[in-house]
Amino acid sequence: MNVNNDNLKFETVATTNFPAEAELIRTVLESGGIEAYVINTNAPTYVGLVESVRVLVESSQAEAARKFLEENLKSQVDDPEYPVN
């Protein structure tokens, strides 16, 4: 994360066990103009026990990011063409 301002605060808007899923969430956020960062991609995970890969956004954008994810990720899951196992 390359941040020039030490006063910036970040919030976690999503957690997952899977780095690829976190990258998808980051991509969705950035498609909506919200800069996002994925951290802990190399952390050991234990499926079902610990969600350690996190997606962060600047605190001032956290509420908008959560709403954007809720609207956009839900629409993908509800889409009959979206493959869900």
PDB file of N, CA and C in Angstrom:
ATOM      1  N   MET A   1       0.856  -1.163   0.000  1.00  0.00           N
ATOM      2  CA  MET A   1       0.000   0.000   0.000  1.00  0.00           C
ATOM      3  C   MET A   1       0.904   1.227   0.000  1.00  0.00           C
ATOM      4  N   ASN A   2       0.742   2.062  -0.994  1.00  0.00           N
ATOM      5  CA  ASN A   2       1.558   3.255  -1.109  1.00  0.00           C
ATOM      6  C   ASN A   2       0.717   4.460  -0.731  1.00  0.00           C
ATOM      7  N   VAL A   3       0.861   4.926   0.516  1.00  0.00           N
ATOM      8  CA  VAL A   3       0.059   6.031   1.024  1.00  0.00           C
ATOM      9  C   VAL A   3       1.001   7.138   1.463  1.00  0.00           C
ATOM     10  N   ASN A   4       0.750   8.351   0.987  1.00  0.00           N
ATOM     11  CA  ASN A   4       1.620   9.477   1.306  1.00  0.00           C
ATOM     12  C   ASN A   4       1.183  10.245   2.539  1.00  0.00           C
ATOM     13  N   ASN A   5      -0.023  10.049   3.021  1.00  0.00           N
ATOM     14  CA  ASN A   5      -0.558  10.813   4.139  1.00  0.00           C
ATOM     15  C   ASN A   5      -0.671   9.914   5.358  1.00  0.00           C
ATOM     16  N   ASP A   6       0.092  10.233   6.414  1.00  0.00           N
ATOM     17  CA  ASP A   6       0.076   9.419   7.625  1.00  0.00           C
ATOM     18  C   ASP A   6      -1.227   9.540   8.395  1.00  0.00           C
ATOM     19  N   ASN A   7      -2.075  10.510   8.048  1.00  0.00           N
ATOM     20  CA  ASN A   7      -3.324  10.720   8.771  1.00  0.00           C
ATOM     21  C   ASN A   7      -4.481   9.886   8.227  1.00  0.00           C
ATOM     22  N   LEU A   8      -4.262   9.164   7.141  1.00  0.00           N
ATOM     23  CA  LEU A   8      -5.326   8.346   6.579  1.00  0.00           C
ATOM     24  C   LEU A   8      -5.622   7.168   7.502  1.00  0.00           C
ATOM     25  N   LYS A   9      -6.896   6.843   7.621  1.00  0.00           N
ATOM     26  CA  LYS A   9      -7.340   5.690   8.402  1.00  0.00           C
ATOM     27  C   LYS A   9      -8.033   4.735   7.443  1.00  0.00           C
ATOM     28  N   PHE A  10      -7.872   3.450   7.696  1.00  0.00           N
ATOM     29  CA  PHE A  10      -8.475   2.441   6.843  1.00  0.00           C
ATOM     30  C   PHE A  10      -9.370   1.526   7.659  1.00  0.00           C
ATOM     31  N   GLU A  11     -10.398   0.994   6.993  1.00  0.00           N
ATOM     32  CA  GLU A  11     -11.319   0.062   7.620  1.00  0.00           C
ATOM     33  C   GLU A  11     -11.432  -1.180   6.763  1.00  0.00           C
ATOM     34  N   THR A  12     -11.640  -2.294   7.434  1.00  0.00           N
ATOM     35  CA  THR A  12     -11.888  -3.550   6.729  1.00  0.00           C
ATOM     36  C   THR A  12     -13.342  -3.562   6.285  1.00  0.00           C
ATOM     37  N   VAL A  13     -13.578  -3.825   5.001  1.00  0.00           N
ATOM     38  CA  VAL A  13     -14.946  -3.911   4.489  1.00  0.00           C
ATOM     39  C   VAL A  13     -15.320  -5.332   4.097  1.00  0.00           C
ATOM     40  N   ALA A  14     -14.321  -6.228   4.043  1.00  0.00           N
ATOM     41  CA  ALA A  14     -14.602  -7.631   3.730  1.00  0.00           C
ATOM     42  C   ALA A  14     -13.451  -8.491   4.233  1.00  0.00           C
ATOM     43  N   THR A  15     -13.797  -9.705   4.655  1.00  0.00           N
ATOM     44  CA  THR A  15     -12.785 -10.687   5.047  1.00  0.00           C
ATOM     45  C   THR A  15     -13.128 -12.011   4.382  1.00  0.00           C
ATOM     46  N   THR A  16     -12.103 -12.790   4.112  1.00  0.00           N
ATOM     47  CA  THR A  16     -12.297 -14.068   3.447  1.00  0.00           C
ATOM     48  C   THR A  16     -11.116 -14.978   3.759  1.00  0.00           C
ATOM     49  N   ASN A  17     -11.265 -16.237   3.438  1.00  0.00           N
ATOM     50  CA  ASN A  17     -10.155 -17.188   3.559  1.00  0.00           C
ATOM     51  C   ASN A  17      -9.336 -17.262   2.282  1.00  0.00           C
ATOM     52  N   PHE A  18      -9.827 -16.669   1.210  1.00  0.00           N
ATOM     53  CA  PHE A  18      -9.253 -16.895  -0.109  1.00  0.00           C
ATOM     54  C   PHE A  18      -8.754 -15.606  -0.752  1.00  0.00           C
ATOM     55  N   PRO A  19      -7.441 -15.520  -1.042  1.00  0.00           N
ATOM     56  CA  PRO A  19      -6.904 -14.322  -1.684  1.00  0.00           C
ATOM     57  C   PRO A  19      -7.596 -13.983  -3.007  1.00  0.00           C
ATOM     58  N   ALA A  20      -7.952 -14.978  -3.800  1.00  0.00           N
ATOM     59  CA  ALA A  20      -8.613 -14.704  -5.085  1.00  0.00           C
ATOM     60  C   ALA A  20      -9.969 -14.036  -4.871  1.00  0.00           C
ATOM     61  N   GLU A  21     -10.690 -14.452  -3.853  1.00  0.00           N
ATOM     62  CA  GLU A  21     -11.988 -13.829  -3.545  1.00  0.00           C
ATOM     63  C   GLU A  21     -11.780 -12.382  -3.102  1.00  0.00           C
ATOM     64  N   ALA A  22     -10.756 -12.139  -2.304  1.00  0.00           N
ATOM     65  CA  ALA A  22     -10.456 -10.772  -1.870  1.00  0.00           C
ATOM     66  C   ALA A  22     -10.103  -9.893  -3.061  1.00  0.00           C
ATOM     67  N   GLU A  23      -9.358 -10.433  -4.015  1.00  0.00           N
ATOM     68  CA  GLU A  23      -9.008  -9.667  -5.217  1.00  0.00           C
ATOM     69  C   GLU A  23     -10.250  -9.357  -6.046  1.00  0.00           C
ATOM     70  N   LEU A  24     -11.186 -10.283  -6.103  1.00  0.00           N
ATOM     71  CA  LEU A  24     -12.450 -10.035  -6.806  1.00  0.00           C
ATOM     72  C   LEU A  24     -13.202  -8.886  -6.140  1.00  0.00           C
ATOM     73  N   ILE A  25     -13.271  -8.910  -4.826  1.00  0.00           N
ATOM     74  CA  ILE A  25     -13.954  -7.841  -4.086  1.00  0.00           C
ATOM     75  C   ILE A  25     -13.268  -6.509  -4.338  1.00  0.00           C
ATOM     76  N   ARG A  26     -11.927  -6.497  -4.319  1.00  0.00           N
ATOM     77  CA  ARG A  26     -11.180  -5.267  -4.609  1.00  0.00           C
ATOM     78  C   ARG A  26     -11.508  -4.752  -6.002  1.00  0.00           C
ATOM     79  N   THR A  27     -11.562  -5.652  -6.965  1.00  0.00           N
ATOM     80  CA  THR A  27     -11.866  -5.270  -8.342  1.00  0.00           C
ATOM     81  C   THR A  27     -13.265  -4.676  -8.454  1.00  0.00           C
ATOM     82  N   VAL A  28     -14.235  -5.290  -7.773  1.00  0.00           N
ATOM     83  CA  VAL A  28     -15.608  -4.767  -7.785  1.00  0.00           C
ATOM     84  C   VAL A  28     -15.627  -3.356  -7.203  1.00  0.00           C
ATOM     85  N   LEU A  29     -14.957  -3.167  -6.080  1.00  0.00           N
ATOM     86  CA  LEU A  29     -14.913  -1.832  -5.470  1.00  0.00           C
ATOM     87  C   LEU A  29     -14.267  -0.812  -6.403  1.00  0.00           C
ATOM     88  N   GLU A  30     -13.162  -1.176  -7.008  1.00  0.00           N
ATOM     89  CA  GLU A  30     -12.466  -0.241  -7.883  1.00  0.00           C
ATOM     90  C   GLU A  30     -13.263   0.062  -9.144  1.00  0.00           C
ATOM     91  N   SER A  31     -14.120  -0.872  -9.573  1.00  0.00           N
ATOM     92  CA  SER A  31     -14.995  -0.589 -10.716  1.00  0.00           C
ATOM     93  C   SER A  31     -16.009   0.491 -10.363  1.00  0.00           C
ATOM     94  N   GLY A  32     -16.265   0.666  -9.073  1.00  0.00           N
ATOM     95  CA  GLY A  32     -17.166   1.716  -8.601  1.00  0.00           C
ATOM     96  C   GLY A  32     -16.438   2.968  -8.159  1.00  0.00           C
ATOM     97  N   GLY A  33     -15.134   3.040  -8.440  1.00  0.00           N
ATOM     98  CA  GLY A  33     -14.370   4.236  -8.110  1.00  0.00           C
ATOM     99  C   GLY A  33     -13.884   4.292  -6.673  1.00  0.00           C
ATOM    100  N   ILE A  34     -13.907   3.160  -5.966  1.00  0.00           N
ATOM    101  CA  ILE A  34     -13.473   3.117  -4.572  1.00  0.00           C
ATOM    102  C   ILE A  34     -12.129   2.385  -4.518  1.00  0.00           C
ATOM    103  N   GLU A  35     -11.085   3.095  -4.126  1.00  0.00           N
ATOM    104  CA  GLU A  35      -9.760   2.482  -4.043  1.00  0.00           C
ATOM    105  C   GLU A  35      -9.730   1.505  -2.872  1.00  0.00           C
ATOM    106  N   ALA A  36      -9.246   0.299  -3.135  1.00  0.00           N
ATOM    107  CA  ALA A  36      -9.238  -0.747  -2.115  1.00  0.00           C
ATOM    108  C   ALA A  36      -7.900  -1.470  -2.122  1.00  0.00           C
ATOM    109  N   TYR A  37      -7.585  -2.076  -0.990  1.00  0.00           N
ATOM    110  CA  TYR A  37      -6.330  -2.795  -0.808  1.00  0.00           C
ATOM    111  C   TYR A  37      -6.612  -4.159  -0.194  1.00  0.00           C
ATOM    112  N   VAL A  38      -5.860  -5.160  -0.623  1.00  0.00           N
ATOM    113  CA  VAL A  38      -5.965  -6.507  -0.059  1.00  0.00           C
ATOM    114  C   VAL A  38      -4.714  -6.739   0.776  1.00  0.00           C
ATOM    115  N   ILE A  39      -4.921  -7.196   2.027  1.00  0.00           N
ATOM    116  CA  ILE A  39      -3.779  -7.494   2.887  1.00  0.00           C
ATOM    117  C   ILE A  39      -3.882  -8.913   3.428  1.00  0.00           C
ATOM    118  N   ASN A  40      -2.764  -9.429   3.874  1.00  0.00           N
ATOM    119  CA  ASN A  40      -2.647 -10.769   4.469  1.00  0.00           C
ATOM    120  C   ASN A  40      -2.858 -11.879   3.450  1.00  0.00           C
ATOM    121  N   THR A  41      -2.483 -11.673   2.213  1.00  0.00           N
ATOM    122  CA  THR A  41      -2.702 -12.716   1.201  1.00  0.00           C
ATOM    123  C   THR A  41      -1.854 -13.955   1.447  1.00  0.00           C
ATOM    124  N   ASN A  42      -0.792 -13.835   2.213  1.00  0.00           N
ATOM    125  CA  ASN A  42       0.057 -14.988   2.498  1.00  0.00           C
ATOM    126  C   ASN A  42      -0.155 -15.553   3.898  1.00  0.00           C
ATOM    127  N   ALA A  43      -1.160 -15.051   4.601  1.00  0.00           N
ATOM    128  CA  ALA A  43      -1.417 -15.545   5.960  1.00  0.00           C
ATOM    129  C   ALA A  43      -1.962 -16.967   5.902  1.00  0.00           C
ATOM    130  N   PRO A  44      -1.565 -17.804   6.857  1.00  0.00           N
ATOM    131  CA  PRO A  44      -2.143 -19.155   6.878  1.00  0.00           C
ATOM    132  C   PRO A  44      -3.620 -19.083   7.224  1.00  0.00           C
ATOM    133  N   THR A  45      -4.418 -19.830   6.506  1.00  0.00           N
ATOM    134  CA  THR A  45      -5.861 -19.831   6.777  1.00  0.00           C
ATOM    135  C   THR A  45      -6.320 -21.242   7.077  1.00  0.00           C
ATOM    136  N   TYR A  46      -7.298 -21.330   7.900  1.00  0.00           N
ATOM    137  CA  TYR A  46      -7.914 -22.598   8.248  1.00  0.00           C
ATOM    138  C   TYR A  46      -9.383 -22.454   7.900  1.00  0.00           C
ATOM    139  N   VAL A  47      -9.772 -23.058   6.788  1.00  0.00           N
ATOM    140  CA  VAL A  47     -11.122 -22.884   6.256  1.00  0.00           C
ATOM    141  C   VAL A  47     -12.141 -23.157   7.353  1.00  0.00           C
ATOM    142  N   GLY A  48     -13.021 -22.198   7.524  1.00  0.00           N
ATOM    143  CA  GLY A  48     -14.073 -22.316   8.518  1.00  0.00           C
ATOM    144  C   GLY A  48     -13.685 -21.805   9.888  1.00  0.00           C
ATOM    145  N   LEU A  49     -12.406 -21.581  10.126  1.00  0.00           N
ATOM    146  CA  LEU A  49     -11.974 -21.135  11.449  1.00  0.00           C
ATOM    147  C   LEU A  49     -11.548 -19.672  11.487  1.00  0.00           C
ATOM    148  N   VAL A  50     -10.761 -19.266  10.495  1.00  0.00           N
ATOM    149  CA  VAL A  50     -10.197 -17.918  10.510  1.00  0.00           C
ATOM    150  C   VAL A  50     -10.332 -17.300   9.124  1.00  0.00           C
ATOM    151  N   GLU A  51     -10.909 -16.133   9.075  1.00  0.00           N
ATOM    152  CA  GLU A  51     -10.933 -15.382   7.820  1.00  0.00           C
ATOM    153  C   GLU A  51      -9.875 -14.305   7.956  1.00  0.00           C
ATOM    154  N   SER A  52      -8.739 -14.514   7.312  1.00  0.00           N
ATOM    155  CA  SER A  52      -7.620 -13.623   7.573  1.00  0.00           C
ATOM    156  C   SER A  52      -7.233 -12.715   6.414  1.00  0.00           C
ATOM    157  N   VAL A  53      -7.743 -12.955   5.212  1.00  0.00           N
ATOM    158  CA  VAL A  53      -7.447 -12.066   4.091  1.00  0.00           C
ATOM    159  C   VAL A  53      -8.478 -10.944   4.138  1.00  0.00           C
ATOM    160  N   ARG A  54      -7.981  -9.705   4.190  1.00  0.00           N
ATOM    161  CA  ARG A  54      -8.889  -8.571   4.376  1.00  0.00           C
ATOM    162  C   ARG A  54      -8.823  -7.596   3.212  1.00  0.00           C
ATOM    163  N   VAL A  55      -9.969  -6.950   2.954  1.00  0.00           N
ATOM    164  CA  VAL A  55     -10.054  -5.886   1.955  1.00  0.00           C
ATOM    165  C   VAL A  55     -10.287  -4.590   2.726  1.00  0.00           C
ATOM    166  N   LEU A  56      -9.405  -3.625   2.516  1.00  0.00           N
ATOM    167  CA  LEU A  56      -9.465  -2.345   3.224  1.00  0.00           C
ATOM    168  C   LEU A  56      -9.778  -1.204   2.271  1.00  0.00           C
ATOM    169  N   VAL A  57     -10.476  -0.207   2.800  1.00  0.00           N
ATOM    170  CA  VAL A  57     -10.691   1.056   2.091  1.00  0.00           C
ATOM    171  C   VAL A  57     -10.461   2.186   3.085  1.00  0.00           C
ATOM    172  N   GLU A  58     -10.272   3.383   2.562  1.00  0.00           N
ATOM    173  CA  GLU A  58     -10.139   4.543   3.437  1.00  0.00           C
ATOM    174  C   GLU A  58     -11.423   4.679   4.260  1.00  0.00           C
ATOM    175  N   SER A  59     -11.277   4.999   5.532  1.00  0.00           N
ATOM    176  CA  SER A  59     -12.426   5.067   6.451  1.00  0.00           C
ATOM    177  C   SER A  59     -13.553   5.946   5.937  1.00  0.00           C
ATOM    178  N   SER A  60     -13.207   7.044   5.280  1.00  0.00           N
ATOM    179  CA  SER A  60     -14.244   7.943   4.780  1.00  0.00           C
ATOM    180  C   SER A  60     -15.076   7.304   3.670  1.00  0.00           C
ATOM    181  N   GLN A  61     -14.584   6.208   3.057  1.00  0.00           N
ATOM    182  CA  GLN A  61     -15.315   5.522   1.999  1.00  0.00           C
ATOM    183  C   GLN A  61     -15.907   4.185   2.448  1.00  0.00           C
ATOM    184  N   ALA A  62     -15.717   3.824   3.701  1.00  0.00           N
ATOM    185  CA  ALA A  62     -16.121   2.495   4.168  1.00  0.00           C
ATOM    186  C   ALA A  62     -17.621   2.245   4.029  1.00  0.00           C
ATOM    187  N   GLU A  63     -18.438   3.186   4.441  1.00  0.00           N
ATOM    188  CA  GLU A  63     -19.895   3.000   4.353  1.00  0.00           C
ATOM    189  C   GLU A  63     -20.336   2.854   2.894  1.00  0.00           C
ATOM    190  N   ALA A  64     -19.814   3.712   2.023  1.00  0.00           N
ATOM    191  CA  ALA A  64     -20.150   3.624   0.595  1.00  0.00           C
ATOM    192  C   ALA A  64     -19.661   2.308   0.009  1.00  0.00           C
ATOM    193  N   ALA A  65     -18.486   1.853   0.439  1.00  0.00           N
ATOM    194  CA  ALA A  65     -17.934   0.598  -0.071  1.00  0.00           C
ATOM    195  C   ALA A  65     -18.808  -0.582   0.328  1.00  0.00           C
ATOM    196  N   ARG A  66     -19.233  -0.620   1.575  1.00  0.00           N
ATOM    197  CA  ARG A  66     -20.100  -1.719   2.025  1.00  0.00           C
ATOM    198  C   ARG A  66     -21.419  -1.736   1.253  1.00  0.00           C
ATOM    199  N   LYS A  67     -21.993  -0.568   1.048  1.00  0.00           N
ATOM    200  CA  LYS A  67     -23.254  -0.483   0.306  1.00  0.00           C
ATOM    201  C   LYS A  67     -23.033  -0.915  -1.148  1.00  0.00           C
ATOM    202  N   PHE A  68     -21.951  -0.454  -1.754  1.00  0.00           N
ATOM    203  CA  PHE A  68     -21.641  -0.806  -3.136  1.00  0.00           C
ATOM    204  C   PHE A  68     -21.463  -2.316  -3.268  1.00  0.00           C
ATOM    205  N   LEU A  69     -20.746  -2.934  -2.328  1.00  0.00           N
ATOM    206  CA  LEU A  69     -20.556  -4.382  -2.367  1.00  0.00           C
ATOM    207  C   LEU A  69     -21.875  -5.120  -2.196  1.00  0.00           C
ATOM    208  N   GLU A  70     -22.684  -4.662  -1.271  1.00  0.00           N
ATOM    209  CA  GLU A  70     -23.982  -5.302  -1.034  1.00  0.00           C
ATOM    210  C   GLU A  70     -24.829  -5.275  -2.300  1.00  0.00           C
ATOM    211  N   GLU A  71     -24.864  -4.153  -2.961  1.00  0.00           N
ATOM    212  CA  GLU A  71     -25.677  -4.021  -4.175  1.00  0.00           C
ATOM    213  C   GLU A  71     -25.090  -4.791  -5.351  1.00  0.00           C
ATOM    214  N   ASN A  72     -23.795  -4.733  -5.520  1.00  0.00           N
ATOM    215  CA  ASN A  72     -23.174  -5.310  -6.712  1.00  0.00           C
ATOM    216  C   ASN A  72     -22.835  -6.785  -6.588  1.00  0.00           C
ATOM    217  N   LEU A  73     -22.382  -7.230  -5.447  1.00  0.00           N
ATOM    218  CA  LEU A  73     -22.093  -8.658  -5.298  1.00  0.00           C
ATOM    219  C   LEU A  73     -23.377  -9.461  -5.198  1.00  0.00           C
ATOM    220  N   LYS A  74     -24.399  -8.931  -4.534  1.00  0.00           N
ATOM    221  CA  LYS A  74     -25.680  -9.630  -4.432  1.00  0.00           C
ATOM    222  C   LYS A  74     -26.290  -9.805  -5.816  1.00  0.00           C
ATOM    223  N   SER A  75     -26.204  -8.786  -6.658  1.00  0.00           N
ATOM    224  CA  SER A  75     -26.791  -8.899  -7.993  1.00  0.00           C
ATOM    225  C   SER A  75     -26.084  -9.965  -8.814  1.00  0.00           C
ATOM    226  N   GLN A  76     -24.786 -10.154  -8.601  1.00  0.00           N
ATOM    227  CA  GLN A  76     -24.069 -11.213  -9.315  1.00  0.00           C
ATOM    228  C   GLN A  76     -24.506 -12.584  -8.829  1.00  0.00           C
ATOM    229  N   VAL A  77     -24.690 -12.738  -7.534  1.00  0.00           N
ATOM    230  CA  VAL A  77     -25.089 -14.030  -6.983  1.00  0.00           C
ATOM    231  C   VAL A  77     -26.516 -14.365  -7.391  1.00  0.00           C
ATOM    232  N   ASP A  78     -27.399 -13.374  -7.482  1.00  0.00           N
ATOM    233  CA  ASP A  78     -28.788 -13.601  -7.873  1.00  0.00           C
ATOM    234  C   ASP A  78     -28.952 -13.833  -9.365  1.00  0.00           C
ATOM    235  N   ASP A  79     -27.938 -13.513 -10.149  1.00  0.00           N
ATOM    236  CA  ASP A  79     -28.008 -13.665 -11.600  1.00  0.00           C
ATOM    237  C   ASP A  79     -28.023 -15.149 -11.971  1.00  0.00           C
ATOM    238  N   PRO A  80     -29.041 -15.600 -12.725  1.00  0.00           N
ATOM    239  CA  PRO A  80     -29.111 -17.022 -13.086  1.00  0.00           C
ATOM    240  C   PRO A  80     -27.927 -17.490 -13.914  1.00  0.00           C
ATOM    241  N   GLU A  81     -27.223 -16.567 -14.571  1.00  0.00           N
ATOM    242  CA  GLU A  81     -26.063 -16.916 -15.371  1.00  0.00           C
ATOM    243  C   GLU A  81     -24.790 -17.029 -14.532  1.00  0.00           C
ATOM    244  N   TYR A  82     -24.843 -16.577 -13.281  1.00  0.00           N
ATOM    245  CA  TYR A  82     -23.670 -16.596 -12.403  1.00  0.00           C
ATOM    246  C   TYR A  82     -23.536 -18.009 -11.833  1.00  0.00           C
ATOM    247  N   PRO A  83     -22.396 -18.681 -12.062  1.00  0.00           N
ATOM    248  CA  PRO A  83     -22.242 -20.061 -11.578  1.00  0.00           C
ATOM    249  C   PRO A  83     -22.057 -20.130 -10.061  1.00  0.00           C
ATOM    250  N   VAL A  84     -22.976 -20.742  -9.387  1.00  0.00           N
ATOM    251  CA  VAL A  84     -22.903 -20.928  -7.952  1.00  0.00           C
ATOM    252  C   VAL A  84     -22.930 -22.413  -7.666  1.00  0.00           C
ATOM    253  N   ASN A  85     -21.963 -22.885  -6.892  1.00  0.00           N
ATOM    254  CA  ASN A  85     -21.912 -24.314  -6.541  1.00  0.00           C
ATOM    255  C   ASN A  85     -22.765 -24.608  -5.347  1.00  0.00           C
TER     256      ASN A  85
END
